[in-house]
Amino acid sequence: MARGPRFRLDSAGAAFQEGAHTAMHRTRILGGFIAGALAVLVFHQGLIFLMGKAGIGNYSAYSWAPTEPFGVPVFLSLAFWGGVWGIAWAVLAGQLKGGGGLGLALLFGAILPTLVFAAVVAPLKGIDGKIWLDPTRLVFALAVNGAWGFGTELFLRLGRGRIW
C-alpha cells in the first residue's frame, strides 16, 4: 500500500513534512557537534597554545591530564563539550534570519560558555569560578571561548560550502 508524505506539527503549530525537516535538523545537530569539537581543537586550543608561547596565561594547550570522573584527557573533554555547545550554536544560528554570522558567533562563544563555566562548572568541580573578579582570567576566558565561537561558525560555513 503506497503512503504519501507524513506531516507533523512543529512547536509553533506549523505543519511540516516529517522526513525533510527531521533530516535537516539531524544534519544541523551533527554539523554543530563536529564544528564545535573541531573549533576547540583548532581555535580554542590553538589560541591557548599561541598565548602560552607569547607568555600570556599559564594554561597548557592540548593537555593530556585526566579529567574526572572517567580519566579522559582534558583536550578531548573540551572537544566533546565544544561539540555540545556547537549544537546549541548551530540550532540558534539556524533560527536567526541569515544565520548567525561570525561576529555573533564570537560573542556567543565568549559570553555563554564563560558564564556557564563560572556559574555551574567551576562550583561543581570545586574550582574558583569567580573569573569576573580577575581581569586577566576573564579576558583570557573571553578570548579563547570567543575564538571557539568564531571557529565553530567558520567550520559550519565550510560544511555548507561557503566561508563568507
C-alpha atoms as a PDB file:
ATOM      1  CA  MET A   1       0.000   0.000   0.000  1.00  0.00           C
ATOM      2  CA  ALA A   2       1.522   3.325  -1.087  1.00  0.00           C
ATOM      3  CA  ARG A   3       1.733   6.018   1.543  1.00  0.00           C
ATOM      4  CA  GLY A   4       2.060   9.703   0.919  1.00  0.00           C
ATOM      5  CA  PRO A   5       4.326  12.061   2.815  1.00  0.00           C
ATOM      6  CA  ARG A   6       3.817  12.235   6.554  1.00  0.00           C
ATOM      7  CA  PHE A   7       3.153  15.580   8.138  1.00  0.00           C
ATOM      8  CA  ARG A   8       3.566  16.667  11.762  1.00  0.00           C
ATOM      9  CA  LEU A   9       3.200  19.907  13.671  1.00  0.00           C
ATOM     10  CA  ASP A  10       6.275  21.720  14.908  1.00  0.00           C
ATOM     11  CA  SER A  11       6.448  23.530  18.255  1.00  0.00           C
ATOM     12  CA  ALA A  12       4.790  26.615  16.750  1.00  0.00           C
ATOM     13  CA  GLY A  13       1.916  24.561  15.363  1.00  0.00           C
ATOM     14  CA  ALA A  14       3.001  24.785  11.713  1.00  0.00           C
ATOM     15  CA  ALA A  15       2.752  21.656   9.578  1.00  0.00           C
ATOM     16  CA  PHE A  16       5.934  20.277   8.066  1.00  0.00           C
ATOM     17  CA  GLN A  17       6.860  17.222   6.066  1.00  0.00           C
ATOM     18  CA  GLU A  18       8.434  14.890   8.573  1.00  0.00           C
ATOM     19  CA  GLY A  19      11.298  13.439   6.532  1.00  0.00           C
ATOM     20  CA  ALA A  20      12.720  16.706   5.186  1.00  0.00           C
ATOM     21  CA  HIS A  21      12.523  18.622   8.468  1.00  0.00           C
ATOM     22  CA  THR A  22      13.950  15.919  10.686  1.00  0.00           C
ATOM     23  CA  ALA A  23      16.789  15.180   8.250  1.00  0.00           C
ATOM     24  CA  MET A  24      17.702  18.871   8.181  1.00  0.00           C
ATOM     25  CA  HIS A  25      17.523  19.043  11.974  1.00  0.00           C
ATOM     26  CA  ARG A  26      19.751  15.949  12.339  1.00  0.00           C
ATOM     27  CA  THR A  27      22.231  17.452   9.883  1.00  0.00           C
ATOM     28  CA  ARG A  28      22.296  20.711  11.850  1.00  0.00           C
ATOM     29  CA  ILE A  29      22.880  18.827  15.122  1.00  0.00           C
ATOM     30  CA  LEU A  30      25.626  16.605  13.723  1.00  0.00           C
ATOM     31  CA  GLY A  31      27.237  19.517  11.876  1.00  0.00           C
ATOM     32  CA  GLY A  32      27.097  21.654  15.019  1.00  0.00           C
ATOM     33  CA  PHE A  33      28.748  18.953  17.098  1.00  0.00           C
ATOM     34  CA  ILE A  34      31.529  18.353  14.592  1.00  0.00           C
ATOM     35  CA  ALA A  35      32.112  22.088  14.026  1.00  0.00           C
ATOM     36  CA  GLY A  36      32.182  22.797  17.769  1.00  0.00           C
ATOM     37  CA  ALA A  37      34.574  19.932  18.524  1.00  0.00           C
ATOM     38  CA  LEU A  38      36.908  20.915  15.678  1.00  0.00           C
ATOM     39  CA  ALA A  39      36.784  24.556  16.793  1.00  0.00           C
ATOM     40  CA  VAL A  40      38.051  23.506  20.232  1.00  0.00           C
ATOM     41  CA  LEU A  41      40.951  21.601  18.702  1.00  0.00           C
ATOM     42  CA  VAL A  42      41.920  24.300  16.194  1.00  0.00           C
ATOM     43  CA  PHE A  43      40.798  27.698  17.521  1.00  0.00           C
ATOM     44  CA  HIS A  44      40.330  27.328  21.318  1.00  0.00           C
ATOM     45  CA  GLN A  45      43.371  25.172  21.999  1.00  0.00           C
ATOM     46  CA  GLY A  46      45.310  26.886  19.205  1.00  0.00           C
ATOM     47  CA  LEU A  47      44.827  30.282  20.836  1.00  0.00           C
ATOM     48  CA  ILE A  48      45.823  28.858  24.234  1.00  0.00           C
ATOM     49  CA  PHE A  49      48.983  27.472  22.605  1.00  0.00           C
ATOM     50  CA  LEU A  50      49.814  30.808  20.929  1.00  0.00           C
ATOM     51  CA  MET A  51      49.118  32.784  24.104  1.00  0.00           C
ATOM     52  CA  GLY A  52      51.334  30.405  26.071  1.00  0.00           C
ATOM     53  CA  LYS A  53      54.168  30.880  23.585  1.00  0.00           C
ATOM     54  CA  ALA A  54      53.708  34.654  23.928  1.00  0.00           C
ATOM     55  CA  GLY A  55      53.881  34.366  27.740  1.00  0.00           C
ATOM     56  CA  ILE A  56      50.201  35.206  28.238  1.00  0.00           C
ATOM     57  CA  GLY A  57      48.444  32.929  30.718  1.00  0.00           C
ATOM     58  CA  ASN A  58      49.769  29.794  32.331  1.00  0.00           C
ATOM     59  CA  TYR A  59      47.394  27.262  30.781  1.00  0.00           C
ATOM     60  CA  SER A  60      48.624  24.343  28.733  1.00  0.00           C
ATOM     61  CA  ALA A  61      47.107  23.596  25.357  1.00  0.00           C
ATOM     62  CA  TYR A  62      46.233  20.058  24.317  1.00  0.00           C
ATOM     63  CA  SER A  63      46.622  18.788  27.881  1.00  0.00           C
ATOM     64  CA  TRP A  64      46.625  15.019  28.331  1.00  0.00           C
ATOM     65  CA  ALA A  65      45.905  15.383  32.059  1.00  0.00           C
ATOM     66  CA  PRO A  66      42.963  13.149  33.019  1.00  0.00           C
ATOM     67  CA  THR A  67      39.589  14.660  33.901  1.00  0.00           C
ATOM     68  CA  GLU A  68      37.142  13.328  36.465  1.00  0.00           C
ATOM     69  CA  PRO A  69      35.317  11.002  36.607  1.00  0.00           C
ATOM     70  CA  PHE A  70      36.388   8.992  33.532  1.00  0.00           C
ATOM     71  CA  GLY A  71      40.037   9.992  33.125  1.00  0.00           C
ATOM     72  CA  VAL A  72      39.537  11.417  29.619  1.00  0.00           C
ATOM     73  CA  PRO A  73      42.329  13.829  28.574  1.00  0.00           C
ATOM     74  CA  VAL A  74      41.391  17.480  29.119  1.00  0.00           C
ATOM     75  CA  PHE A  75      41.559  18.449  25.459  1.00  0.00           C
ATOM     76  CA  LEU A  76      39.211  15.601  24.447  1.00  0.00           C
ATOM     77  CA  SER A  77      36.769  16.534  27.207  1.00  0.00           C
ATOM     78  CA  LEU A  78      36.875  20.137  25.996  1.00  0.00           C
ATOM     79  CA  ALA A  79      36.317  18.972  22.405  1.00  0.00           C
ATOM     80  CA  PHE A  80      33.259  16.974  23.493  1.00  0.00           C
ATOM     81  CA  TRP A  81      31.745  19.922  25.371  1.00  0.00           C
ATOM     82  CA  GLY A  82      32.688  22.204  22.486  1.00  0.00           C
ATOM     83  CA  GLY A  83      30.633  19.874  20.303  1.00  0.00           C
ATOM     84  CA  VAL A  84      27.678  20.154  22.668  1.00  0.00           C
ATOM     85  CA  TRP A  85      27.960  23.962  22.608  1.00  0.00           C
ATOM     86  CA  GLY A  86      28.339  23.712  18.827  1.00  0.00           C
ATOM     87  CA  ILE A  87      24.923  22.046  18.646  1.00  0.00           C
ATOM     88  CA  ALA A  88      23.450  24.914  20.678  1.00  0.00           C
ATOM     89  CA  TRP A  89      25.042  27.474  18.364  1.00  0.00           C
ATOM     90  CA  ALA A  90      24.011  25.650  15.174  1.00  0.00           C
ATOM     91  CA  VAL A  91      20.394  25.393  16.309  1.00  0.00           C
ATOM     92  CA  LEU A  92      20.310  29.035  17.438  1.00  0.00           C
ATOM     93  CA  ALA A  93      22.007  30.289  14.270  1.00  0.00           C
ATOM     94  CA  GLY A  94      19.555  28.257  12.199  1.00  0.00           C
ATOM     95  CA  GLN A  95      16.706  30.187  13.799  1.00  0.00           C
ATOM     96  CA  LEU A  96      18.229  33.598  13.082  1.00  0.00           C
ATOM     97  CA  LYS A  97      17.489  35.396   9.843  1.00  0.00           C
ATOM     98  CA  GLY A  98      20.518  34.945   7.592  1.00  0.00           C
ATOM     99  CA  GLY A  99      22.247  32.627  10.078  1.00  0.00           C
ATOM    100  CA  GLY A 100      24.325  33.737  12.994  1.00  0.00           C
ATOM    101  CA  GLY A 101      27.285  35.467  11.451  1.00  0.00           C
ATOM    102  CA  LEU A 102      30.902  35.299  12.566  1.00  0.00           C
ATOM    103  CA  GLY A 103      30.665  38.279  14.929  1.00  0.00           C
ATOM    104  CA  LEU A 104      27.584  36.964  16.712  1.00  0.00           C
ATOM    105  CA  ALA A 105      29.212  33.518  16.957  1.00  0.00           C
ATOM    106  CA  LEU A 106      32.271  35.118  18.558  1.00  0.00           C
ATOM    107  CA  LEU A 107      30.045  36.902  21.110  1.00  0.00           C
ATOM    108  CA  PHE A 108      28.027  33.747  21.778  1.00  0.00           C
ATOM    109  CA  GLY A 109      31.230  31.792  22.379  1.00  0.00           C
ATOM    110  CA  ALA A 110      32.848  34.449  24.508  1.00  0.00           C
ATOM    111  CA  ILE A 111      29.873  35.056  26.780  1.00  0.00           C
ATOM    112  CA  LEU A 112      27.734  31.935  27.245  1.00  0.00           C
ATOM    113  CA  PRO A 113      30.347  29.206  27.803  1.00  0.00           C
ATOM    114  CA  THR A 114      32.344  31.564  30.031  1.00  0.00           C
ATOM    115  CA  LEU A 115      29.254  32.315  32.124  1.00  0.00           C
ATOM    116  CA  VAL A 116      28.267  28.653  32.383  1.00  0.00           C
ATOM    117  CA  PHE A 117      31.804  27.712  33.389  1.00  0.00           C
ATOM    118  CA  ALA A 118      31.908  30.367  36.107  1.00  0.00           C
ATOM    119  CA  ALA A 119      28.390  29.764  37.436  1.00  0.00           C
ATOM    120  CA  VAL A 120      27.959  25.991  37.031  1.00  0.00           C
ATOM    121  CA  VAL A 121      31.065  24.004  36.065  1.00  0.00           C
ATOM    122  CA  ALA A 122      33.603  25.614  38.394  1.00  0.00           C
ATOM    123  CA  PRO A 123      31.483  25.195  41.545  1.00  0.00           C
ATOM    124  CA  LEU A 124      30.709  21.562  40.619  1.00  0.00           C
ATOM    125  CA  LYS A 125      34.431  20.839  40.189  1.00  0.00           C
ATOM    126  CA  GLY A 126      35.492  22.827  43.258  1.00  0.00           C
ATOM    127  CA  ILE A 127      37.331  25.386  41.110  1.00  0.00           C
ATOM    128  CA  ASP A 128      37.341  29.096  41.868  1.00  0.00           C
ATOM    129  CA  GLY A 129      34.885  30.252  39.212  1.00  0.00           C
ATOM    130  CA  LYS A 130      34.944  33.942  40.090  1.00  0.00           C
ATOM    131  CA  ILE A 131      36.800  34.846  36.918  1.00  0.00           C
ATOM    132  CA  TRP A 132      34.931  38.134  36.654  1.00  0.00           C
ATOM    133  CA  LEU A 133      36.925  39.305  39.702  1.00  0.00           C
ATOM    134  CA  ASP A 134      40.250  38.652  37.985  1.00  0.00           C
ATOM    135  CA  PRO A 135      40.558  40.740  34.796  1.00  0.00           C
ATOM    136  CA  THR A 136      43.416  38.612  33.426  1.00  0.00           C
ATOM    137  CA  ARG A 137      41.460  35.340  33.764  1.00  0.00           C
ATOM    138  CA  LEU A 138      38.306  36.986  32.435  1.00  0.00           C
ATOM    139  CA  VAL A 139      39.984  38.354  29.291  1.00  0.00           C
ATOM    140  CA  PHE A 140      41.707  35.010  28.736  1.00  0.00           C
ATOM    141  CA  ALA A 141      38.404  33.077  29.052  1.00  0.00           C
ATOM    142  CA  LEU A 142      36.521  35.526  26.821  1.00  0.00           C
ATOM    143  CA  ALA A 143      39.291  35.348  24.200  1.00  0.00           C
ATOM    144  CA  VAL A 144      39.638  31.566  23.965  1.00  0.00           C
ATOM    145  CA  ASN A 145      35.889  30.947  24.139  1.00  0.00           C
ATOM    146  CA  GLY A 146      35.268  33.705  21.602  1.00  0.00           C
ATOM    147  CA  ALA A 147      37.843  32.076  19.325  1.00  0.00           C
ATOM    148  CA  TRP A 148      35.913  28.828  19.732  1.00  0.00           C
ATOM    149  CA  GLY A 149      32.639  30.552  18.707  1.00  0.00           C
ATOM    150  CA  PHE A 150      34.257  32.140  15.664  1.00  0.00           C
ATOM    151  CA  GLY A 151      35.804  28.820  14.670  1.00  0.00           C
ATOM    152  CA  THR A 152      32.544  26.943  15.137  1.00  0.00           C
ATOM    153  CA  GLU A 153      30.695  29.275  12.771  1.00  0.00           C
ATOM    154  CA  LEU A 154      33.575  29.123  10.307  1.00  0.00           C
ATOM    155  CA  PHE A 155      33.506  25.315  10.295  1.00  0.00           C
ATOM    156  CA  LEU A 156      29.713  25.350   9.908  1.00  0.00           C
ATOM    157  CA  ARG A 157      30.113  27.615   6.893  1.00  0.00           C
ATOM    158  CA  LEU A 158      32.813  25.385   5.427  1.00  0.00           C
ATOM    159  CA  GLY A 159      30.455  22.451   5.877  1.00  0.00           C
ATOM    160  CA  ARG A 160      27.841  24.326   3.837  1.00  0.00           C
ATOM    161  CA  GLY A 161      30.416  25.041   1.129  1.00  0.00           C
ATOM    162  CA  ARG A 162      30.909  28.743   1.809  1.00  0.00           C
ATOM    163  CA  ILE A 163      33.170  30.798   4.050  1.00  0.00           C
ATOM    164  CA  TRP A 164      31.706  34.311   3.930  1.00  0.00           C
END
